[in-house]
Amino acid sequence: MTTPFRHISVLPTEVLALLTTPAGHRFIDGTLGGAGHAQAVLAASPADAQLLGIDLDPAALATAQQRLSEFGDRAHLVRGNYADMARFAHRLGWDTVDGILLDLGVSSYQLDTPERGFSFQHDAPLDMRLDPDGPTTAADLVNTLDERKLADVIFLYGEDRASRRIARFIVDARRVQPIRTTLALADVVTRAMGGRHGRIHPATRTFQALRIAVNQELSVLETVIPQALELLAPGGRLVIMSFHSLEDRIVKLAFRAATLSGDRQLYHTLTPKPVEASDSEQRVNPRSRSVRLRAIARL
């Protein structure tokens, strides 16, 4: 049974302060989710402000549609990848926008819905697709990649130094029978790590790596940042929240390059240091502990 879409928005006050300005009339939420941030942005903006919300997950869009219904035709919702945001914006006749938000990673709903296969807390099909209709699942990668490529995925995207040993154990296990479920994979990785259970489950990094690979998250992020910067009107802001070091590094380097490129400075960083969740927010929403928010403005 599918659970209702539930997700607690991270850094809501900080996002609103950095994203919205008195002149802001057009916004894009590229990772709409349950529309918590989108609802706050429209509520705090002028009465004629509009928002384009994009998400791959139909469950998220259904919740967002209901949540944003009070704003009528001010909210434009599209199922798709945020890498296509320029095309979606141009379809509305928008050449520029005043604010763009990207809240990266997976939502609480996706993590807590067993059949989505993101978590080893439940036994479920090894899926991990942000888009349920996407072509490749985590099980496909686990059972088809050769040992070297599998190790590379775990090392590059999971930053796990034991990647080669884990890949070897996975390949040995799948020779006996395909690895099709979350608990089956978690068990193999745990055995590869000698059965050790520290503060972090031994399969955490492998699951992260596979999720990133399945959804091509880093390559999509690298593609969208230049596009988003180009879409910003003068004074417009781009706000990106990342939840692990690989994402944050891409954002940091892209923002640094934008502020230094060309003879005339076009962009200004609004967050010299990444914004983190307060202690009180972390107590209420433990999943906010790893957030790093960076923001940049077009001059």
C-alpha atoms as a PDB file:
ATOM      1  CA  MET A   1       0.000   0.000   0.000  1.00  0.00           C
ATOM      2  CA  THR A   2       1.407   3.382  -1.018  1.00  0.00           C
ATOM      3  CA  THR A   3       1.865   5.858   1.823  1.00  0.00           C
ATOM      4  CA  PRO A   4       0.561   9.440   1.546  1.00  0.00           C
ATOM      5  CA  PHE A   5       3.152  11.906   0.276  1.00  0.00           C
ATOM      6  CA  ARG A   6       4.755  13.387   3.367  1.00  0.00           C
ATOM      7  CA  HIS A   7       7.855  15.511   3.451  1.00  0.00           C
ATOM      8  CA  ILE A   8       9.050  18.182   5.876  1.00  0.00           C
ATOM      9  CA  SER A   9      10.572  21.118   3.985  1.00  0.00           C
ATOM     10  CA  VAL A  10      14.152  21.857   5.032  1.00  0.00           C
ATOM     11  CA  LEU A  11      15.322  25.419   5.820  1.00  0.00           C
ATOM     12  CA  PRO A  12      11.937  26.977   4.900  1.00  0.00           C
ATOM     13  CA  THR A  13      12.691  30.394   6.428  1.00  0.00           C
ATOM     14  CA  GLU A  14      16.149  30.612   4.895  1.00  0.00           C
ATOM     15  CA  VAL A  15      14.893  29.557   1.457  1.00  0.00           C
ATOM     16  CA  LEU A  16      12.182  32.202   1.507  1.00  0.00           C
ATOM     17  CA  ALA A  17      14.593  34.941   2.590  1.00  0.00           C
ATOM     18  CA  LEU A  18      17.126  34.110  -0.130  1.00  0.00           C
ATOM     19  CA  LEU A  19      14.778  33.244  -2.995  1.00  0.00           C
ATOM     20  CA  THR A  20      12.126  35.946  -2.867  1.00  0.00           C
ATOM     21  CA  THR A  21      12.478  39.696  -3.468  1.00  0.00           C
ATOM     22  CA  PRO A  22       9.835  42.461  -3.673  1.00  0.00           C
ATOM     23  CA  ALA A  23      10.256  42.409  -7.465  1.00  0.00           C
ATOM     24  CA  GLY A  24       9.960  38.614  -7.751  1.00  0.00           C
ATOM     25  CA  HIS A  25       7.094  37.555 -10.019  1.00  0.00           C
ATOM     26  CA  ARG A  26       8.267  34.348 -11.701  1.00  0.00           C
ATOM     27  CA  PHE A  27       9.729  31.357  -9.906  1.00  0.00           C
ATOM     28  CA  ILE A  28      10.780  27.812 -10.723  1.00  0.00           C
ATOM     29  CA  ASP A  29      10.827  24.998  -8.189  1.00  0.00           C
ATOM     30  CA  GLY A  30      12.739  22.323 -10.062  1.00  0.00           C
ATOM     31  CA  THR A  31      12.234  19.685  -7.371  1.00  0.00           C
ATOM     32  CA  LEU A  32       8.647  20.361  -6.379  1.00  0.00           C
ATOM     33  CA  GLY A  33       8.048  17.390  -4.078  1.00  0.00           C
ATOM     34  CA  GLY A  34       5.076  18.015  -1.807  1.00  0.00           C
ATOM     35  CA  ALA A  35       5.220  21.758  -2.647  1.00  0.00           C
ATOM     36  CA  GLY A  36       6.074  22.952   0.855  1.00  0.00           C
ATOM     37  CA  HIS A  37       8.614  25.476  -0.411  1.00  0.00           C
ATOM     38  CA  ALA A  38       6.474  26.370  -3.442  1.00  0.00           C
ATOM     39  CA  GLN A  39       3.456  27.128  -1.268  1.00  0.00           C
ATOM     40  CA  ALA A  40       5.531  29.414   0.970  1.00  0.00           C
ATOM     41  CA  VAL A  41       7.032  31.236  -2.028  1.00  0.00           C
ATOM     42  CA  LEU A  42       3.648  31.950  -3.637  1.00  0.00           C
ATOM     43  CA  ALA A  43       2.120  32.996  -0.323  1.00  0.00           C
ATOM     44  CA  ALA A  44       4.952  35.479   0.303  1.00  0.00           C
ATOM     45  CA  SER A  45       5.006  36.897  -3.249  1.00  0.00           C
ATOM     46  CA  PRO A  46       2.862  39.544  -4.995  1.00  0.00           C
ATOM     47  CA  ALA A  47      -0.658  38.452  -5.934  1.00  0.00           C
ATOM     48  CA  ASP A  48       0.281  38.161  -9.607  1.00  0.00           C
ATOM     49  CA  ALA A  49       3.426  36.068  -9.000  1.00  0.00           C
ATOM     50  CA  GLN A  50       3.563  32.654 -10.701  1.00  0.00           C
ATOM     51  CA  LEU A  51       5.516  29.472 -10.111  1.00  0.00           C
ATOM     52  CA  LEU A  52       6.553  26.636 -12.396  1.00  0.00           C
ATOM     53  CA  GLY A  53       6.866  23.405 -10.424  1.00  0.00           C
ATOM     54  CA  ILE A  54       8.715  20.413 -11.889  1.00  0.00           C
ATOM     55  CA  ASP A  55       8.945  16.873 -10.541  1.00  0.00           C
ATOM     56  CA  LEU A  56       9.518  13.369 -11.888  1.00  0.00           C
ATOM     57  CA  ASP A  57       7.297  11.679  -9.329  1.00  0.00           C
ATOM     58  CA  PRO A  58       3.538  11.539 -10.061  1.00  0.00           C
ATOM     59  CA  ALA A  59       2.806  11.033  -6.351  1.00  0.00           C
ATOM     60  CA  ALA A  60       4.579  14.301  -5.571  1.00  0.00           C
ATOM     61  CA  LEU A  61       2.725  16.134  -8.318  1.00  0.00           C
ATOM     62  CA  ALA A  62      -0.646  14.876  -7.085  1.00  0.00           C
ATOM     63  CA  THR A  63       0.086  16.197  -3.594  1.00  0.00           C
ATOM     64  CA  ALA A  64       1.458  19.474  -4.960  1.00  0.00           C
ATOM     65  CA  GLN A  65      -1.625  19.971  -7.132  1.00  0.00           C
ATOM     66  CA  GLN A  66      -3.836  19.729  -4.076  1.00  0.00           C
ATOM     67  CA  ARG A  67      -1.589  21.870  -1.900  1.00  0.00           C
ATOM     68  CA  LEU A  68      -1.261  24.669  -4.469  1.00  0.00           C
ATOM     69  CA  SER A  69      -4.915  24.662  -5.546  1.00  0.00           C
ATOM     70  CA  GLU A  70      -5.529  27.838  -3.518  1.00  0.00           C
ATOM     71  CA  PHE A  71      -3.322  29.730  -5.974  1.00  0.00           C
ATOM     72  CA  GLY A  72      -5.302  28.707  -9.061  1.00  0.00           C
ATOM     73  CA  ASP A  73      -3.550  29.352 -12.373  1.00  0.00           C
ATOM     74  CA  ARG A  74      -0.596  30.989 -10.630  1.00  0.00           C
ATOM     75  CA  ALA A  75       0.912  27.495 -10.207  1.00  0.00           C
ATOM     76  CA  HIS A  76       2.029  25.598 -13.322  1.00  0.00           C
ATOM     77  CA  LEU A  77       2.941  21.960 -12.630  1.00  0.00           C
ATOM     78  CA  VAL A  78       4.893  19.764 -15.024  1.00  0.00           C
ATOM     79  CA  ARG A  79       6.051  16.170 -14.782  1.00  0.00           C
ATOM     80  CA  GLY A  80       9.615  16.070 -16.017  1.00  0.00           C
ATOM     81  CA  ASN A  81      13.293  16.492 -15.231  1.00  0.00           C
ATOM     82  CA  TYR A  82      14.558  19.822 -13.965  1.00  0.00           C
ATOM     83  CA  ALA A  83      17.303  19.614 -16.587  1.00  0.00           C
ATOM     84  CA  ASP A  84      14.560  20.656 -19.022  1.00  0.00           C
ATOM     85  CA  MET A  85      13.494  23.712 -17.011  1.00  0.00           C
ATOM     86  CA  ALA A  86      14.416  26.200 -19.753  1.00  0.00           C
ATOM     87  CA  ARG A  87      12.175  24.393 -22.237  1.00  0.00           C
ATOM     88  CA  PHE A  88       9.311  24.263 -19.738  1.00  0.00           C
ATOM     89  CA  ALA A  89       9.772  27.971 -18.912  1.00  0.00           C
ATOM     90  CA  HIS A  90       9.850  28.983 -22.582  1.00  0.00           C
ATOM     91  CA  ARG A  91       6.645  26.993 -23.118  1.00  0.00           C
ATOM     92  CA  LEU A  92       5.001  29.425 -20.677  1.00  0.00           C
ATOM     93  CA  GLY A  93       6.494  32.372 -22.535  1.00  0.00           C
ATOM     94  CA  TRP A  94       9.066  33.022 -19.800  1.00  0.00           C
ATOM     95  CA  ASP A  95      12.450  34.141 -21.103  1.00  0.00           C
ATOM     96  CA  THR A  96      13.729  34.928 -17.618  1.00  0.00           C
ATOM     97  CA  VAL A  97      12.681  34.195 -14.029  1.00  0.00           C
ATOM     98  CA  ASP A  98      13.258  35.868 -10.676  1.00  0.00           C
ATOM     99  CA  GLY A  99      14.032  32.814  -8.577  1.00  0.00           C
ATOM    100  CA  ILE A 100      14.923  29.137  -8.991  1.00  0.00           C
ATOM    101  CA  LEU A 101      15.012  26.530  -6.221  1.00  0.00           C
ATOM    102  CA  LEU A 102      16.572  23.064  -6.365  1.00  0.00           C
ATOM    103  CA  ASP A 103      16.140  20.823  -3.308  1.00  0.00           C
ATOM    104  CA  LEU A 104      18.310  17.861  -4.265  1.00  0.00           C
ATOM    105  CA  GLY A 105      18.121  14.210  -3.271  1.00  0.00           C
ATOM    106  CA  VAL A 106      15.152  12.107  -2.224  1.00  0.00           C
ATOM    107  CA  SER A 107      12.139  13.095  -0.149  1.00  0.00           C
ATOM    108  CA  SER A 108      11.009  11.599   3.141  1.00  0.00           C
ATOM    109  CA  TYR A 109       8.067  10.081   1.264  1.00  0.00           C
ATOM    110  CA  GLN A 110      10.335   8.291  -1.180  1.00  0.00           C
ATOM    111  CA  LEU A 111      12.583   7.008   1.595  1.00  0.00           C
ATOM    112  CA  ASP A 112       9.631   5.870   3.715  1.00  0.00           C
ATOM    113  CA  THR A 113       7.684   4.150   0.921  1.00  0.00           C
ATOM    114  CA  PRO A 114       9.060   0.585   0.905  1.00  0.00           C
ATOM    115  CA  GLU A 115       8.106  -0.268  -2.675  1.00  0.00           C
ATOM    116  CA  ARG A 116      10.264   2.577  -3.994  1.00  0.00           C
ATOM    117  CA  GLY A 117      13.325   0.609  -2.881  1.00  0.00           C
ATOM    118  CA  PHE A 118      15.429   3.523  -1.602  1.00  0.00           C
ATOM    119  CA  SER A 119      15.915   2.178   1.915  1.00  0.00           C
ATOM    120  CA  PHE A 120      17.207  -1.010   3.498  1.00  0.00           C
ATOM    121  CA  GLN A 121      14.899  -0.429   6.467  1.00  0.00           C
ATOM    122  CA  HIS A 122      12.255  -2.492   4.637  1.00  0.00           C
ATOM    123  CA  ASP A 123      12.436  -5.502   2.354  1.00  0.00           C
ATOM    124  CA  ALA A 124      11.329  -4.301  -1.077  1.00  0.00           C
ATOM    125  CA  PRO A 125      12.231  -4.515  -4.766  1.00  0.00           C
ATOM    126  CA  LEU A 126      15.616  -2.898  -5.438  1.00  0.00           C
ATOM    127  CA  ASP A 127      14.287   0.031  -7.473  1.00  0.00           C
ATOM    128  CA  MET A 128      15.491   3.545  -6.465  1.00  0.00           C
ATOM    129  CA  ARG A 129      14.039   5.395  -9.455  1.00  0.00           C
ATOM    130  CA  LEU A 130      12.934   8.971  -8.768  1.00  0.00           C
ATOM    131  CA  ASP A 131      10.868   8.579 -11.926  1.00  0.00           C
ATOM    132  CA  PRO A 132       8.849   5.345 -11.491  1.00  0.00           C
ATOM    133  CA  ASP A 133       8.788   4.986 -15.271  1.00  0.00           C
ATOM    134  CA  GLY A 134      12.546   5.388 -15.689  1.00  0.00           C
ATOM    135  CA  PRO A 135      14.368   2.755 -17.758  1.00  0.00           C
ATOM    136  CA  THR A 136      16.935   1.515 -15.214  1.00  0.00           C
ATOM    137  CA  THR A 137      16.541   0.222 -11.666  1.00  0.00           C
ATOM    138  CA  ALA A 138      19.166  -0.378  -9.009  1.00  0.00           C
ATOM    139  CA  ALA A 139      18.623  -4.121  -9.485  1.00  0.00           C
ATOM    140  CA  ASP A 140      19.568  -3.723 -13.148  1.00  0.00           C
ATOM    141  CA  LEU A 141      22.900  -2.149 -12.197  1.00  0.00           C
ATOM    142  CA  VAL A 142      23.627  -4.570  -9.369  1.00  0.00           C
ATOM    143  CA  ASN A 143      23.016  -7.605 -11.577  1.00  0.00           C
ATOM    144  CA  THR A 144      24.506  -6.460 -14.902  1.00  0.00           C
ATOM    145  CA  LEU A 145      27.496  -4.191 -14.294  1.00  0.00           C
ATOM    146  CA  ASP A 146      30.829  -5.966 -14.352  1.00  0.00           C
ATOM    147  CA  GLU A 147      32.827  -6.019 -11.139  1.00  0.00           C
ATOM    148  CA  ARG A 148      35.129  -3.135 -12.067  1.00  0.00           C
ATOM    149  CA  LYS A 149      32.300  -0.800 -13.130  1.00  0.00           C
ATOM    150  CA  LEU A 150      30.301  -1.688 -10.050  1.00  0.00           C
ATOM    151  CA  ALA A 151      33.296  -0.869  -7.846  1.00  0.00           C
ATOM    152  CA  ASP A 152      33.746   2.435  -9.664  1.00  0.00           C
ATOM    153  CA  VAL A 153      30.103   3.397  -9.064  1.00  0.00           C
ATOM    154  CA  ILE A 154      30.347   2.591  -5.347  1.00  0.00           C
ATOM    155  CA  PHE A 155      33.651   4.438  -4.996  1.00  0.00           C
ATOM    156  CA  LEU A 156      32.794   7.535  -7.062  1.00  0.00           C
ATOM    157  CA  TYR A 157      29.217   8.072  -5.896  1.00  0.00           C
ATOM    158  CA  GLY A 158      29.346   6.459  -2.460  1.00  0.00           C
ATOM    159  CA  GLU A 159      32.916   7.493  -1.609  1.00  0.00           C
ATOM    160  CA  ASP A 160      33.385   4.069  -0.047  1.00  0.00           C
ATOM    161  CA  ARG A 161      36.986   2.892   0.209  1.00  0.00           C
ATOM    162  CA  ALA A 162      35.825  -0.713   0.432  1.00  0.00           C
ATOM    163  CA  SER A 163      34.188  -0.463  -3.006  1.00  0.00           C
ATOM    164  CA  ARG A 164      36.259  -3.214  -4.636  1.00  0.00           C
ATOM    165  CA  ARG A 165      35.578  -5.687  -1.862  1.00  0.00           C
ATOM    166  CA  ILE A 166      31.861  -4.840  -1.890  1.00  0.00           C
ATOM    167  CA  ALA A 167      31.685  -5.230  -5.680  1.00  0.00           C
ATOM    168  CA  ARG A 168      33.413  -8.623  -5.445  1.00  0.00           C
ATOM    169  CA  PHE A 169      30.942  -9.856  -2.857  1.00  0.00           C
ATOM    170  CA  ILE A 170      28.009  -8.623  -4.967  1.00  0.00           C
ATOM    171  CA  VAL A 171      29.270 -10.394  -8.088  1.00  0.00           C
ATOM    172  CA  ASP A 172      29.881 -13.611  -6.145  1.00  0.00           C
ATOM    173  CA  ALA A 173      26.390 -13.458  -4.628  1.00  0.00           C
ATOM    174  CA  ARG A 174      24.605 -12.804  -7.904  1.00  0.00           C
ATOM    175  CA  ARG A 175      26.272 -15.840  -9.461  1.00  0.00           C
ATOM    176  CA  VAL A 176      24.206 -17.920  -7.045  1.00  0.00           C
ATOM    177  CA  GLN A 177      21.008 -15.937  -7.633  1.00  0.00           C
ATOM    178  CA  PRO A 178      20.139 -12.396  -8.766  1.00  0.00           C
ATOM    179  CA  ILE A 179      20.004  -9.719  -6.071  1.00  0.00           C
ATOM    180  CA  ARG A 180      16.487  -8.329  -6.372  1.00  0.00           C
ATOM    181  CA  THR A 181      15.601  -6.828  -2.995  1.00  0.00           C
ATOM    182  CA  THR A 182      16.892  -4.121  -0.668  1.00  0.00           C
ATOM    183  CA  LEU A 183      17.558  -6.474   2.238  1.00  0.00           C
ATOM    184  CA  ALA A 184      19.350  -8.972   0.001  1.00  0.00           C
ATOM    185  CA  LEU A 185      21.751  -6.259  -1.140  1.00  0.00           C
ATOM    186  CA  ALA A 186      22.181  -4.858   2.365  1.00  0.00           C
ATOM    187  CA  ASP A 187      23.032  -8.362   3.613  1.00  0.00           C
ATOM    188  CA  VAL A 188      25.698  -8.853   0.931  1.00  0.00           C
ATOM    189  CA  VAL A 189      27.301  -5.478   1.682  1.00  0.00           C
ATOM    190  CA  THR A 190      27.225  -6.143   5.416  1.00  0.00           C
ATOM    191  CA  ARG A 191      29.002  -9.464   4.874  1.00  0.00           C
ATOM    192  CA  ALA A 192      31.568  -7.727   2.678  1.00  0.00           C
ATOM    193  CA  MET A 193      32.271  -5.358   5.578  1.00  0.00           C
ATOM    194  CA  GLY A 194      32.763  -8.257   7.987  1.00  0.00           C
ATOM    195  CA  GLY A 195      29.336  -7.922   9.563  1.00  0.00           C
ATOM    196  CA  ARG A 196      30.344  -4.697  11.292  1.00  0.00           C
ATOM    197  CA  HIS A 197      27.576  -2.285  12.315  1.00  0.00           C
ATOM    198  CA  GLY A 198      28.775   1.137  13.427  1.00  0.00           C
ATOM    199  CA  ARG A 199      26.830   4.378  13.760  1.00  0.00           C
ATOM    200  CA  ILE A 200      26.223   4.254   9.992  1.00  0.00           C
ATOM    201  CA  HIS A 201      24.902   1.062   8.426  1.00  0.00           C
ATOM    202  CA  PRO A 202      27.582  -0.536   6.203  1.00  0.00           C
ATOM    203  CA  ALA A 203      25.249  -0.478   3.188  1.00  0.00           C
ATOM    204  CA  THR A 204      24.495   3.252   3.401  1.00  0.00           C
ATOM    205  CA  ARG A 205      27.150   4.398   0.949  1.00  0.00           C
ATOM    206  CA  THR A 206      26.393   1.619  -1.536  1.00  0.00           C
ATOM    207  CA  PHE A 207      22.706   2.527  -1.548  1.00  0.00           C
ATOM    208  CA  GLN A 208      23.591   6.209  -2.049  1.00  0.00           C
ATOM    209  CA  ALA A 209      25.887   5.342  -4.930  1.00  0.00           C
ATOM    210  CA  LEU A 210      23.317   3.209  -6.710  1.00  0.00           C
ATOM    211  CA  ARG A 211      20.589   5.838  -6.283  1.00  0.00           C
ATOM    212  CA  ILE A 212      22.826   8.509  -7.802  1.00  0.00           C
ATOM    213  CA  ALA A 213      23.774   6.229 -10.682  1.00  0.00           C
ATOM    214  CA  VAL A 214      20.201   5.107 -11.394  1.00  0.00           C
ATOM    215  CA  ASN A 215      18.955   8.692 -11.587  1.00  0.00           C
ATOM    216  CA  GLN A 216      22.140  10.208 -13.076  1.00  0.00           C
ATOM    217  CA  GLU A 217      21.833  12.852 -10.375  1.00  0.00           C
ATOM    218  CA  LEU A 218      25.290  14.421 -10.618  1.00  0.00           C
ATOM    219  CA  SER A 219      25.383  14.719 -14.408  1.00  0.00           C
ATOM    220  CA  VAL A 220      21.887  16.247 -14.404  1.00  0.00           C
ATOM    221  CA  LEU A 221      22.972  18.751 -11.734  1.00  0.00           C
ATOM    222  CA  GLU A 222      26.040  19.734 -13.756  1.00  0.00           C
ATOM    223  CA  THR A 223      23.807  20.230 -16.793  1.00  0.00           C
ATOM    224  CA  VAL A 224      21.159  22.345 -15.101  1.00  0.00           C
ATOM    225  CA  ILE A 225      23.249  24.912 -13.195  1.00  0.00           C
ATOM    226  CA  PRO A 226      24.493  26.879 -16.274  1.00  0.00           C
ATOM    227  CA  GLN A 227      20.971  26.723 -17.704  1.00  0.00           C
ATOM    228  CA  ALA A 228      19.458  28.026 -14.461  1.00  0.00           C
ATOM    229  CA  LEU A 229      21.989  30.850 -14.211  1.00  0.00           C
ATOM    230  CA  GLU A 230      21.196  31.907 -17.768  1.00  0.00           C
ATOM    231  CA  LEU A 231      17.453  31.969 -16.979  1.00  0.00           C
ATOM    232  CA  LEU A 232      17.835  34.428 -14.122  1.00  0.00           C
ATOM    233  CA  ALA A 233      16.630  37.974 -14.702  1.00  0.00           C
ATOM    234  CA  PRO A 234      18.747  40.812 -13.259  1.00  0.00           C
ATOM    235  CA  GLY A 235      18.412  40.495  -9.502  1.00  0.00           C
ATOM    236  CA  GLY A 236      17.178  36.914  -9.823  1.00  0.00           C
ATOM    237  CA  ARG A 237      18.378  34.247  -7.393  1.00  0.00           C
ATOM    238  CA  LEU A 238      19.313  30.582  -7.680  1.00  0.00           C
ATOM    239  CA  VAL A 239      19.087  28.603  -4.425  1.00  0.00           C
ATOM    240  CA  ILE A 240      20.358  25.013  -4.242  1.00  0.00           C
ATOM    241  CA  MET A 241      20.150  22.668  -1.273  1.00  0.00           C
ATOM    242  CA  SER A 242      22.407  19.616  -1.362  1.00  0.00           C
ATOM    243  CA  PHE A 243      22.621  16.731   1.072  1.00  0.00           C
ATOM    244  CA  HIS A 244      25.999  15.157   0.425  1.00  0.00           C
ATOM    245  CA  SER A 245      29.495  16.321  -0.421  1.00  0.00           C
ATOM    246  CA  LEU A 246      29.461  15.329  -4.098  1.00  0.00           C
ATOM    247  CA  GLU A 247      26.450  17.544  -4.844  1.00  0.00           C
ATOM    248  CA  ASP A 248      27.742  20.415  -2.724  1.00  0.00           C
ATOM    249  CA  ARG A 249      31.123  20.330  -4.458  1.00  0.00           C
ATOM    250  CA  ILE A 250      29.494  20.650  -7.876  1.00  0.00           C
ATOM    251  CA  VAL A 251      27.370  23.590  -6.702  1.00  0.00           C
ATOM    252  CA  LYS A 252      30.286  25.331  -4.992  1.00  0.00           C
ATOM    253  CA  LEU A 253      32.575  25.071  -8.009  1.00  0.00           C
ATOM    254  CA  ALA A 254      29.844  26.121 -10.470  1.00  0.00           C
ATOM    255  CA  PHE A 255      28.960  29.194  -8.402  1.00  0.00           C
ATOM    256  CA  ARG A 256      32.620  30.106  -8.028  1.00  0.00           C
ATOM    257  CA  ALA A 257      33.153  29.842 -11.785  1.00  0.00           C
ATOM    258  CA  ALA A 258      30.063  31.970 -12.465  1.00  0.00           C
ATOM    259  CA  THR A 259      31.269  34.799 -10.234  1.00  0.00           C
ATOM    260  CA  LEU A 260      34.717  34.823 -11.848  1.00  0.00           C
ATOM    261  CA  SER A 261      33.896  34.311 -15.531  1.00  0.00           C
ATOM    262  CA  GLY A 262      34.170  37.008 -18.203  1.00  0.00           C
ATOM    263  CA  ASP A 263      35.371  40.609 -18.130  1.00  0.00           C
ATOM    264  CA  ARG A 264      32.261  41.846 -16.323  1.00  0.00           C
ATOM    265  CA  GLN A 265      30.944  40.213 -13.172  1.00  0.00           C
ATOM    266  CA  LEU A 266      27.400  38.957 -13.804  1.00  0.00           C
ATOM    267  CA  TYR A 267      26.773  37.002 -10.593  1.00  0.00           C
ATOM    268  CA  HIS A 268      27.268  37.504  -6.891  1.00  0.00           C
ATOM    269  CA  THR A 269      27.337  34.772  -4.234  1.00  0.00           C
ATOM    270  CA  LEU A 270      24.791  35.365  -1.482  1.00  0.00           C
ATOM    271  CA  THR A 271      26.188  32.652   0.802  1.00  0.00           C
ATOM    272  CA  PRO A 272      29.966  32.926   1.335  1.00  0.00           C
ATOM    273  CA  LYS A 273      29.572  29.825   3.493  1.00  0.00           C
ATOM    274  CA  PRO A 274      26.839  27.208   3.028  1.00  0.00           C
ATOM    275  CA  VAL A 275      23.770  27.638   5.218  1.00  0.00           C
ATOM    276  CA  GLU A 276      23.095  24.717   7.563  1.00  0.00           C
ATOM    277  CA  ALA A 277      20.061  23.734   9.595  1.00  0.00           C
ATOM    278  CA  SER A 278      19.879  25.056  13.139  1.00  0.00           C
ATOM    279  CA  ASP A 279      20.083  22.728  16.115  1.00  0.00           C
ATOM    280  CA  SER A 280      16.376  23.184  16.742  1.00  0.00           C
ATOM    281  CA  GLU A 281      15.460  22.261  13.159  1.00  0.00           C
ATOM    282  CA  GLN A 282      17.705  19.210  13.288  1.00  0.00           C
ATOM    283  CA  ARG A 283      15.928  18.035  16.437  1.00  0.00           C
ATOM    284  CA  VAL A 284      12.526  18.367  14.757  1.00  0.00           C
ATOM    285  CA  ASN A 285      13.678  17.040  11.371  1.00  0.00           C
ATOM    286  CA  PRO A 286      16.783  14.822  11.668  1.00  0.00           C
ATOM    287  CA  ARG A 287      17.054  14.575   7.865  1.00  0.00           C
ATOM    288  CA  SER A 288      18.015  18.262   7.799  1.00  0.00           C
ATOM    289  CA  ARG A 289      21.329  17.495   9.488  1.00  0.00           C
ATOM    290  CA  SER A 290      23.292  17.127   6.274  1.00  0.00           C
ATOM    291  CA  VAL A 291      21.822  20.026   4.269  1.00  0.00           C
ATOM    292  CA  ARG A 292      24.095  22.623   2.705  1.00  0.00           C
ATOM    293  CA  LEU A 293      22.339  25.561   1.074  1.00  0.00           C
ATOM    294  CA  ARG A 294      24.106  27.868  -1.400  1.00  0.00           C
ATOM    295  CA  ALA A 295      22.606  30.847  -3.205  1.00  0.00           C
ATOM    296  CA  ILE A 296      23.747  33.116  -6.025  1.00  0.00           C
ATOM    297  CA  ALA A 297      22.213  36.241  -7.595  1.00  0.00           C
ATOM    298  CA  ARG A 298      22.436  37.781 -11.052  1.00  0.00           C
ATOM    299  CA  LEU A 299      23.609  41.392 -10.852  1.00  0.00           C
END
